[in-house]
Amino acid sequence: MALPPSPGGPPLKRPPVAPTAVEPALSWRVASPVCTVYFRGMNRLSRRTFLRATLATTAAFAVLPRRATATDELTGKIMTVLGPIGPGELGRTLAHEHGVVDFIGAEKARRRHDSQEAFATILAHLEKLKQLGCRSLVECTPNYIGRDVALLKRLATASGLHILTNTGYYGAAGNKFLPRHAHTESADELADRWLREWRDGIEGTGIRPGFLKLGVEKGKLSELHVKLVRAGARAHLKSGLAIAIHTGDGEAALDEMRVLKEEGAAAEALIWVHAQNDGGPIQLEAARRGAWVSLDGFGAKRRDRYVEWLSAFRKENLLNRVLLSHDHFWSVEGSETISLKLHSGGEAPFQSVWTSLVPALRENGFTQEEIDRLTIKNPAEAFTLRRRAQ
């Protein structure tokens, strides 16, 4: 077996194991994962070999941690389906949307939709979205609910938008979308699964997630959902991926923060998804603790309510903790004949934040700086890769 190359030299051959006339039984062997070296009683040549091998071993160990420190090299970046970008490149962003979603359940989950049909259907709306000045979309469909990262990569390439995908498991809806192993594996085992997707890419595509996506029910977290949040916290602390959690209500959001704290992760790591479902004081409390409050169910019919919520955040100097979006998606329908059904409240998908909410904010005295904070700076900060520890 050849040793690692020495600096500036060819591969080194391992010194012979058997003692020689010059190297009697005085020789000692030192083993490492990289090579085996010998000393005491060495002749001149073998001492030279030892020194060269030592240098080679040192160089080899210097290279070994590169895989482990890949996260460090990406700290301060945002991971899209096309690779990492700087936070300043993200631009105006919708923080919670979907492409294709399949509600068939984890035990029956498979790719049922036609990716080409989905591509043609969604692309036109993404192109219109870009015309409205939006530059990025956070796609929140988890594994086992129709996640199709290859489709997202095609859409990002064709539309010119930055698109983020995710890793993690969705435990809401009665755990219908949790695979069996999620019930039996430990928090560490689940975190390791998600970290493998982070390090190696999703389903052999090389596409890496830009955040963690979990889902829990209303109220105090069940034991199973506590485990999901613990796994998310542990994965976050090793990757810097933000933790976006579909959250049933404010009580569940506060319980999530409790679990994160127990794991050593700060509330800043949490994105409370669907916070509009429990509006008022509890939204403000979560923001004060540092969590991101995602008001991601906007529609033109709810414009006045959103202006009211955002005005309350503004009054408390908490606009810097809010994210905005619609939560639009196409569901997979049918069994023999498969079709895609749009869910956007009767509106054009992905548009009304820009065509209805932003104008209403201006009419209510919000400055351009405040609007940019909500739509540009906040998403960039929320999805930047960074370990947020207590």
Protein backbone atom coordinates (compact mmCIF):
# COMPACT_ATOMS: atom_id res chain seq x y z
CA MET A 1 0.00 0.00 0.00
CA ALA A 2 1.37 3.43 -0.95
CA LEU A 3 1.58 6.17 1.64
CA PRO A 4 0.09 9.61 0.89
CA PRO A 5 2.34 11.70 -1.38
CA SER A 6 4.99 13.68 0.40
CA PRO A 7 5.17 17.42 -0.27
CA GLY A 8 6.81 17.74 -3.66
CA GLY A 9 7.56 14.01 -3.97
CA PRO A 10 6.12 10.74 -5.27
CA PRO A 11 4.12 8.28 -3.16
CA LEU A 12 6.19 6.73 -0.39
CA LYS A 13 6.48 2.97 0.08
CA ARG A 14 5.81 1.51 3.51
CA PRO A 15 9.04 0.52 5.34
CA PRO A 16 9.45 -3.26 5.59
CA VAL A 17 7.93 -4.81 8.67
CA ALA A 18 10.50 -7.58 9.14
CA PRO A 19 13.67 -6.58 11.06
CA THR A 20 16.88 -6.32 9.04
CA ALA A 21 20.54 -6.64 9.98
CA VAL A 22 20.65 -2.92 10.54
CA GLU A 23 17.20 -2.81 12.14
CA PRO A 24 17.10 -5.67 14.63
CA ALA A 25 14.38 -6.18 17.17
CA LEU A 26 14.95 -2.63 18.44
CA SER A 27 12.46 -1.27 15.91
CA TRP A 28 9.18 0.12 17.25
CA ARG A 29 6.07 0.60 15.15
CA VAL A 30 3.66 3.54 15.43
CA ALA A 31 0.33 3.14 13.61
CA SER A 32 -2.08 5.84 12.48
CA PRO A 33 -5.18 5.76 10.27
CA VAL A 34 -3.03 7.11 7.45
CA CYS A 35 0.25 5.19 7.63
CA THR A 36 2.63 3.11 9.71
CA VAL A 37 6.06 4.45 10.63
CA TYR A 38 9.09 3.00 12.43
CA PHE A 39 11.84 4.44 14.60
CA ARG A 40 14.78 3.42 16.88
CA GLY A 41 17.55 1.50 15.27
CA MET A 42 16.62 2.90 11.85
CA ASN A 43 19.37 3.33 9.31
CA ARG A 44 19.90 6.62 7.54
CA LEU A 45 17.50 5.82 4.75
CA SER A 46 14.69 4.72 7.04
CA ARG A 47 15.06 7.84 9.21
CA ARG A 48 14.65 9.92 6.06
CA THR A 49 11.63 7.80 5.18
CA PHE A 50 10.25 8.38 8.68
CA LEU A 51 10.59 12.15 8.37
CA ARG A 52 8.97 12.19 4.95
CA ALA A 53 6.18 9.95 6.18
CA THR A 54 5.63 12.21 9.19
CA LEU A 55 5.25 15.22 6.91
CA ALA A 56 2.89 13.26 4.69
CA THR A 57 0.84 12.14 7.70
CA THR A 58 0.56 15.70 8.98
CA ALA A 59 -0.57 16.90 5.56
CA ALA A 60 -3.09 14.09 5.29
CA PHE A 61 -4.62 14.86 8.69
CA ALA A 62 -4.86 18.52 7.66
CA VAL A 63 -7.05 17.45 4.73
CA LEU A 64 -9.27 14.97 6.59
CA PRO A 65 -11.51 17.52 8.40
CA ARG A 66 -12.50 19.32 5.19
CA ARG A 67 -15.72 17.29 4.89
CA ALA A 68 -16.63 18.06 8.46
CA THR A 69 -15.90 21.77 8.09
CA ALA A 70 -17.89 22.17 4.87
CA THR A 71 -20.64 23.75 6.99
CA ASP A 72 -18.18 26.31 8.31
CA GLU A 73 -17.22 27.23 4.78
CA LEU A 74 -20.89 27.91 4.00
CA THR A 75 -21.63 29.93 7.14
CA GLY A 76 -23.03 33.28 6.07
CA LYS A 77 -24.38 31.90 2.78
CA ILE A 78 -27.89 30.87 1.70
CA MET A 79 -28.30 27.44 0.09
CA THR A 80 -30.55 27.34 -2.98
CA VAL A 81 -31.33 24.39 -5.25
CA LEU A 82 -28.68 25.76 -7.62
CA GLY A 83 -26.06 26.17 -4.89
CA PRO A 84 -25.00 28.75 -2.32
CA ILE A 85 -25.51 32.49 -2.76
CA GLY A 86 -24.76 35.52 -0.63
CA PRO A 87 -27.60 36.99 1.46
CA GLY A 88 -27.45 40.17 -0.61
CA GLU A 89 -28.39 38.16 -3.71
CA LEU A 90 -31.67 36.85 -2.30
CA GLY A 91 -33.68 40.02 -2.99
CA ARG A 92 -37.45 40.25 -2.49
CA THR A 93 -38.58 36.90 -1.15
CA LEU A 94 -41.71 34.90 -0.47
CA ALA A 95 -40.85 32.94 2.66
CA HIS A 96 -43.41 30.09 2.47
CA GLU A 97 -44.78 28.69 -0.79
CA HIS A 98 -45.14 25.31 -2.48
CA GLY A 99 -44.95 23.75 -5.89
CA VAL A 100 -46.49 20.27 -5.96
CA VAL A 101 -47.96 18.74 -2.78
CA ASP A 102 -49.23 15.16 -2.49
CA PHE A 103 -51.46 14.33 0.50
CA ILE A 104 -51.57 10.57 -0.09
CA GLY A 105 -49.56 9.84 3.07
CA ALA A 106 -46.08 8.63 3.93
CA GLU A 107 -46.80 4.91 3.58
CA LYS A 108 -48.08 5.37 0.03
CA ALA A 109 -45.74 8.17 -0.94
CA ARG A 110 -44.25 7.96 -4.42
CA ARG A 111 -43.80 10.29 -7.36
CA ARG A 112 -47.33 10.34 -8.81
CA HIS A 113 -47.34 13.67 -10.64
CA ASP A 114 -45.96 14.26 -14.12
CA SER A 115 -42.92 16.47 -13.56
CA GLN A 116 -43.10 17.92 -17.07
CA GLU A 117 -46.75 18.91 -16.59
CA ALA A 118 -45.90 20.42 -13.22
CA PHE A 119 -42.97 22.31 -14.74
CA ALA A 120 -45.09 23.82 -17.49
CA THR A 121 -47.92 24.67 -15.06
CA ILE A 122 -45.79 26.38 -12.41
CA LEU A 123 -43.19 28.09 -14.59
CA ALA A 124 -45.59 30.64 -16.06
CA HIS A 125 -46.52 31.82 -12.57
CA LEU A 126 -42.90 32.07 -11.48
CA GLU A 127 -42.11 34.16 -14.54
CA LYS A 128 -44.96 36.52 -13.65
CA LEU A 129 -43.69 36.61 -10.06
CA LYS A 130 -40.27 37.71 -11.27
CA GLN A 131 -41.87 40.45 -13.35
CA LEU A 132 -43.40 41.79 -10.13
CA GLY A 133 -39.92 42.24 -8.68
CA CYS A 134 -39.69 39.12 -6.53
CA ARG A 135 -36.33 37.34 -6.75
CA SER A 136 -36.63 34.33 -4.42
CA LEU A 137 -39.12 31.73 -3.26
CA VAL A 138 -38.81 29.38 -0.27
CA GLU A 139 -40.43 26.07 -1.27
CA CYS A 140 -41.66 24.35 1.87
CA THR A 141 -42.94 20.95 0.70
CA PRO A 142 -41.36 18.35 3.02
CA ASN A 143 -40.24 14.83 2.26
CA TYR A 144 -43.13 12.32 2.01
CA ILE A 145 -45.57 15.06 0.91
CA GLY A 146 -44.48 15.43 -2.69
CA ARG A 147 -41.05 17.08 -2.42
CA ASP A 148 -39.55 17.10 -5.91
CA VAL A 149 -36.16 18.80 -5.80
CA ALA A 150 -35.28 17.98 -9.42
CA LEU A 151 -38.41 19.86 -10.50
CA LEU A 152 -37.43 22.81 -8.31
CA LYS A 153 -33.99 22.91 -9.89
CA ARG A 154 -35.53 23.01 -13.37
CA LEU A 155 -37.90 25.78 -12.32
CA ALA A 156 -35.10 27.82 -10.77
CA THR A 157 -32.97 27.49 -13.90
CA ALA A 158 -35.81 28.39 -16.25
CA SER A 159 -37.31 31.24 -14.23
CA GLY A 160 -34.13 32.84 -12.93
CA LEU A 161 -35.54 32.83 -9.39
CA HIS A 162 -33.63 31.62 -6.35
CA ILE A 163 -35.53 28.65 -4.88
CA LEU A 164 -34.82 26.98 -1.53
CA THR A 165 -35.83 23.43 -0.61
CA ASN A 166 -35.73 21.61 2.73
CA THR A 167 -35.02 18.51 4.77
CA GLY A 168 -36.99 17.28 7.80
CA TYR A 169 -40.31 15.56 8.60
CA TYR A 170 -43.88 16.80 8.95
CA GLY A 171 -45.71 15.50 12.00
CA ALA A 172 -48.93 17.51 11.81
CA ALA A 173 -52.19 16.09 10.37
CA GLY A 174 -52.17 13.15 12.77
CA ASN A 175 -48.65 12.05 11.76
CA LYS A 176 -49.99 10.87 8.41
CA PHE A 177 -46.89 12.13 6.65
CA LEU A 178 -44.32 10.61 9.00
CA PRO A 179 -42.48 7.49 7.81
CA ARG A 180 -42.50 4.51 10.18
CA HIS A 181 -38.89 4.98 11.23
CA ALA A 182 -39.72 8.44 12.58
CA HIS A 183 -41.76 6.75 15.31
CA THR A 184 -38.98 4.43 16.44
CA GLU A 185 -35.70 6.23 15.80
CA SER A 186 -34.09 8.53 18.32
CA ALA A 187 -33.70 12.28 17.90
CA ASP A 188 -30.04 11.77 17.05
CA GLU A 189 -30.88 9.18 14.39
CA LEU A 190 -33.43 11.49 12.78
CA ALA A 191 -31.01 14.42 12.90
CA ASP A 192 -28.38 12.24 11.22
CA ARG A 193 -30.79 11.45 8.37
CA TRP A 194 -31.42 15.15 7.76
CA LEU A 195 -27.74 16.01 8.06
CA ARG A 196 -26.89 13.39 5.42
CA GLU A 197 -29.20 15.22 3.02
CA TRP A 198 -27.48 18.46 4.02
CA ARG A 199 -23.99 17.08 3.44
CA ASP A 200 -24.58 14.77 0.48
CA GLY A 201 -27.64 16.15 -1.28
CA ILE A 202 -31.21 14.89 -1.57
CA GLU A 203 -32.05 11.55 -3.21
CA GLY A 204 -28.85 11.37 -5.22
CA THR A 205 -29.41 14.71 -6.96
CA GLY A 206 -26.65 16.65 -5.21
CA ILE A 207 -29.26 19.32 -4.43
CA ARG A 208 -28.85 20.45 -0.82
CA PRO A 209 -31.56 21.78 1.51
CA GLY A 210 -31.59 25.43 2.53
CA PHE A 211 -33.54 24.92 5.78
CA LEU A 212 -35.23 22.33 7.99
CA LYS A 213 -39.00 21.85 7.69
CA LEU A 214 -40.96 20.19 10.48
CA GLY A 215 -44.64 20.02 11.40
CA VAL A 216 -46.44 19.74 14.75
CA GLU A 217 -50.02 19.89 16.04
CA LYS A 218 -51.75 22.44 18.29
CA GLY A 219 -51.11 22.79 22.01
CA LYS A 220 -48.37 21.31 24.15
CA LEU A 221 -46.13 19.12 22.02
CA SER A 222 -46.61 15.37 22.11
CA GLU A 223 -43.64 13.16 22.97
CA LEU A 224 -43.20 12.32 19.29
CA HIS A 225 -43.27 15.96 18.25
CA VAL A 226 -40.86 16.93 21.01
CA LYS A 227 -38.49 14.37 19.47
CA LEU A 228 -38.88 15.97 16.05
CA VAL A 229 -38.06 19.40 17.45
CA ARG A 230 -35.07 18.02 19.38
CA ALA A 231 -33.80 16.41 16.20
CA GLY A 232 -34.28 19.71 14.39
CA ALA A 233 -32.33 21.58 17.06
CA ARG A 234 -29.46 19.10 16.92
CA ALA A 235 -29.34 19.24 13.14
CA HIS A 236 -29.41 23.04 13.27
CA LEU A 237 -26.48 23.24 15.66
CA LYS A 238 -24.40 21.10 13.28
CA SER A 239 -25.48 22.77 10.05
CA GLY A 240 -26.78 26.28 10.68
CA LEU A 241 -30.02 25.48 8.82
CA ALA A 242 -33.00 27.48 10.06
CA ILE A 243 -35.87 25.42 11.54
CA ALA A 244 -39.23 26.23 9.93
CA ILE A 245 -42.04 24.46 11.82
CA HIS A 246 -45.65 24.18 10.70
CA THR A 247 -47.16 25.05 14.08
CA GLY A 248 -50.74 24.51 15.15
CA ASP A 249 -50.98 27.50 17.50
CA GLY A 250 -49.09 29.84 19.79
CA GLU A 251 -48.95 27.37 22.68
CA ALA A 252 -47.12 24.92 20.42
CA ALA A 253 -44.76 27.69 19.25
CA LEU A 254 -43.80 28.55 22.84
CA ASP A 255 -43.28 24.85 23.59
CA GLU A 256 -41.01 24.59 20.54
CA MET A 257 -38.87 27.39 21.96
CA ARG A 258 -38.70 25.53 25.27
CA VAL A 259 -37.34 22.42 23.56
CA LEU A 260 -34.87 24.43 21.48
CA LYS A 261 -33.57 26.07 24.65
CA GLU A 262 -33.11 22.68 26.33
CA GLU A 263 -31.03 21.62 23.32
CA GLY A 264 -28.89 24.76 23.41
CA ALA A 265 -30.42 26.39 20.32
CA ALA A 266 -31.63 29.99 20.42
CA ALA A 267 -35.17 31.05 19.50
CA GLU A 268 -33.65 32.89 16.52
CA ALA A 269 -33.26 29.49 14.86
CA LEU A 270 -37.05 29.02 14.76
CA ILE A 271 -39.45 30.13 12.05
CA TRP A 272 -43.00 29.88 13.42
CA VAL A 273 -44.86 28.85 10.28
CA HIS A 274 -48.56 29.85 9.99
CA ALA A 275 -48.37 32.29 12.91
CA GLN A 276 -51.42 34.05 11.44
CA ASN A 277 -53.51 31.18 12.84
CA ASP A 278 -52.96 32.49 16.38
CA GLY A 279 -52.75 36.23 16.05
CA GLY A 280 -52.29 38.95 18.61
CA PRO A 281 -50.19 39.09 21.78
CA ILE A 282 -48.65 35.64 21.40
CA GLN A 283 -47.17 36.64 18.03
CA LEU A 284 -45.48 39.59 19.70
CA GLU A 285 -44.24 37.44 22.58
CA ALA A 286 -42.61 34.97 20.18
CA ALA A 287 -40.97 37.84 18.32
CA ARG A 288 -39.67 39.36 21.57
CA ARG A 289 -38.04 36.03 22.40
CA GLY A 290 -36.29 36.15 19.03
CA ALA A 291 -38.31 33.74 16.89
CA TRP A 292 -39.27 34.52 13.31
CA VAL A 293 -43.04 35.03 13.01
CA SER A 294 -44.18 33.88 9.56
CA LEU A 295 -47.45 35.46 8.44
CA ASP A 296 -47.71 33.23 5.42
CA GLY A 297 -51.40 32.93 4.57
CA PHE A 298 -51.90 36.27 2.87
CA GLY A 299 -54.77 36.86 0.48
CA ALA A 300 -56.34 40.10 -0.66
CA LYS A 301 -59.43 39.39 1.46
CA ARG A 302 -57.22 39.41 4.57
CA ARG A 303 -55.40 42.61 3.70
CA ASP A 304 -56.82 44.72 6.52
CA ARG A 305 -56.05 42.05 9.11
CA TYR A 306 -52.44 41.79 7.94
CA VAL A 307 -52.02 45.57 8.02
CA GLU A 308 -53.34 45.52 11.60
CA TRP A 309 -50.89 42.78 12.64
CA LEU A 310 -47.95 44.45 10.96
CA SER A 311 -48.84 47.79 12.52
CA ALA A 312 -48.71 46.12 15.95
CA PHE A 313 -45.25 44.72 15.19
CA ARG A 314 -44.20 48.16 13.98
CA LYS A 315 -45.42 49.84 17.15
CA GLU A 316 -43.37 47.38 19.25
CA ASN A 317 -40.26 47.78 17.04
CA LEU A 318 -40.52 44.11 16.04
CA LEU A 319 -40.86 44.34 12.26
CA ASN A 320 -37.38 42.80 12.12
CA ARG A 321 -38.84 39.41 13.19
CA VAL A 322 -41.61 39.03 10.58
CA LEU A 323 -41.77 37.05 7.33
CA LEU A 324 -44.50 37.25 4.66
CA SER A 325 -45.96 34.83 2.12
CA HIS A 326 -49.13 33.18 0.72
CA ASP A 327 -48.77 29.37 1.16
CA HIS A 328 -50.06 28.62 -2.34
CA PHE A 329 -49.65 25.15 -3.87
CA TRP A 330 -50.80 22.58 -6.44
CA SER A 331 -52.14 19.32 -4.97
CA VAL A 332 -51.91 15.96 -6.73
CA GLU A 333 -55.48 14.73 -7.38
CA GLY A 334 -56.92 11.44 -8.59
CA SER A 335 -55.81 7.83 -8.59
CA GLU A 336 -55.87 6.48 -12.13
CA THR A 337 -55.92 9.86 -13.87
CA ILE A 338 -53.60 12.30 -12.10
CA SER A 339 -54.14 16.04 -12.23
CA LEU A 340 -52.87 19.12 -10.40
CA LYS A 341 -55.26 21.39 -8.50
CA LEU A 342 -54.28 24.95 -7.63
CA HIS A 343 -54.90 26.18 -4.07
CA SER A 344 -54.56 29.96 -3.98
CA GLY A 345 -57.85 31.23 -2.62
CA GLY A 346 -59.06 32.09 -6.12
CA GLU A 347 -56.16 34.49 -6.68
CA ALA A 348 -53.29 34.37 -9.11
CA PRO A 349 -50.59 32.33 -7.33
CA PHE A 350 -47.75 34.10 -5.54
CA GLN A 351 -48.85 37.64 -6.47
CA SER A 352 -51.05 39.37 -3.89
CA VAL A 353 -48.31 40.16 -1.36
CA TRP A 354 -46.89 42.42 -4.08
CA THR A 355 -50.10 43.61 -5.70
CA SER A 356 -52.28 44.07 -2.58
CA LEU A 357 -50.35 44.00 0.71
CA VAL A 358 -47.37 46.17 -0.20
CA PRO A 359 -49.57 48.97 -1.63
CA ALA A 360 -51.78 48.78 1.50
CA LEU A 361 -48.73 49.13 3.74
CA ARG A 362 -47.65 52.24 1.84
CA GLU A 363 -51.15 53.68 2.20
CA ASN A 364 -50.89 53.12 5.96
CA GLY A 365 -47.63 54.99 6.35
CA PHE A 366 -45.06 52.19 6.12
CA THR A 367 -41.81 53.48 4.67
CA GLN A 368 -39.92 51.85 1.84
CA GLU A 369 -37.21 50.93 4.35
CA GLU A 370 -39.78 49.08 6.47
CA ILE A 371 -41.21 47.28 3.44
CA ASP A 372 -37.69 46.28 2.38
CA ARG A 373 -37.08 45.03 5.91
CA LEU A 374 -40.11 42.74 5.66
CA THR A 375 -39.53 41.48 2.13
CA ILE A 376 -35.73 41.57 1.65
CA LYS A 377 -33.69 41.86 4.84
CA ASN A 378 -35.74 39.60 7.10
CA PRO A 379 -35.80 36.59 4.73
CA ALA A 380 -32.09 36.98 4.07
CA GLU A 381 -31.33 36.96 7.79
CA ALA A 382 -33.72 34.10 8.56
CA PHE A 383 -32.33 31.72 5.93
CA THR A 384 -28.63 32.57 6.21
CA LEU A 385 -26.66 29.54 7.31
CA ARG A 386 -25.56 30.26 10.85
CA ARG A 387 -25.56 28.29 14.08
CA ARG A 388 -27.82 30.11 16.51
CA ALA A 389 -26.84 28.82 19.93
CA GLN A 390 -28.01 29.96 23.35
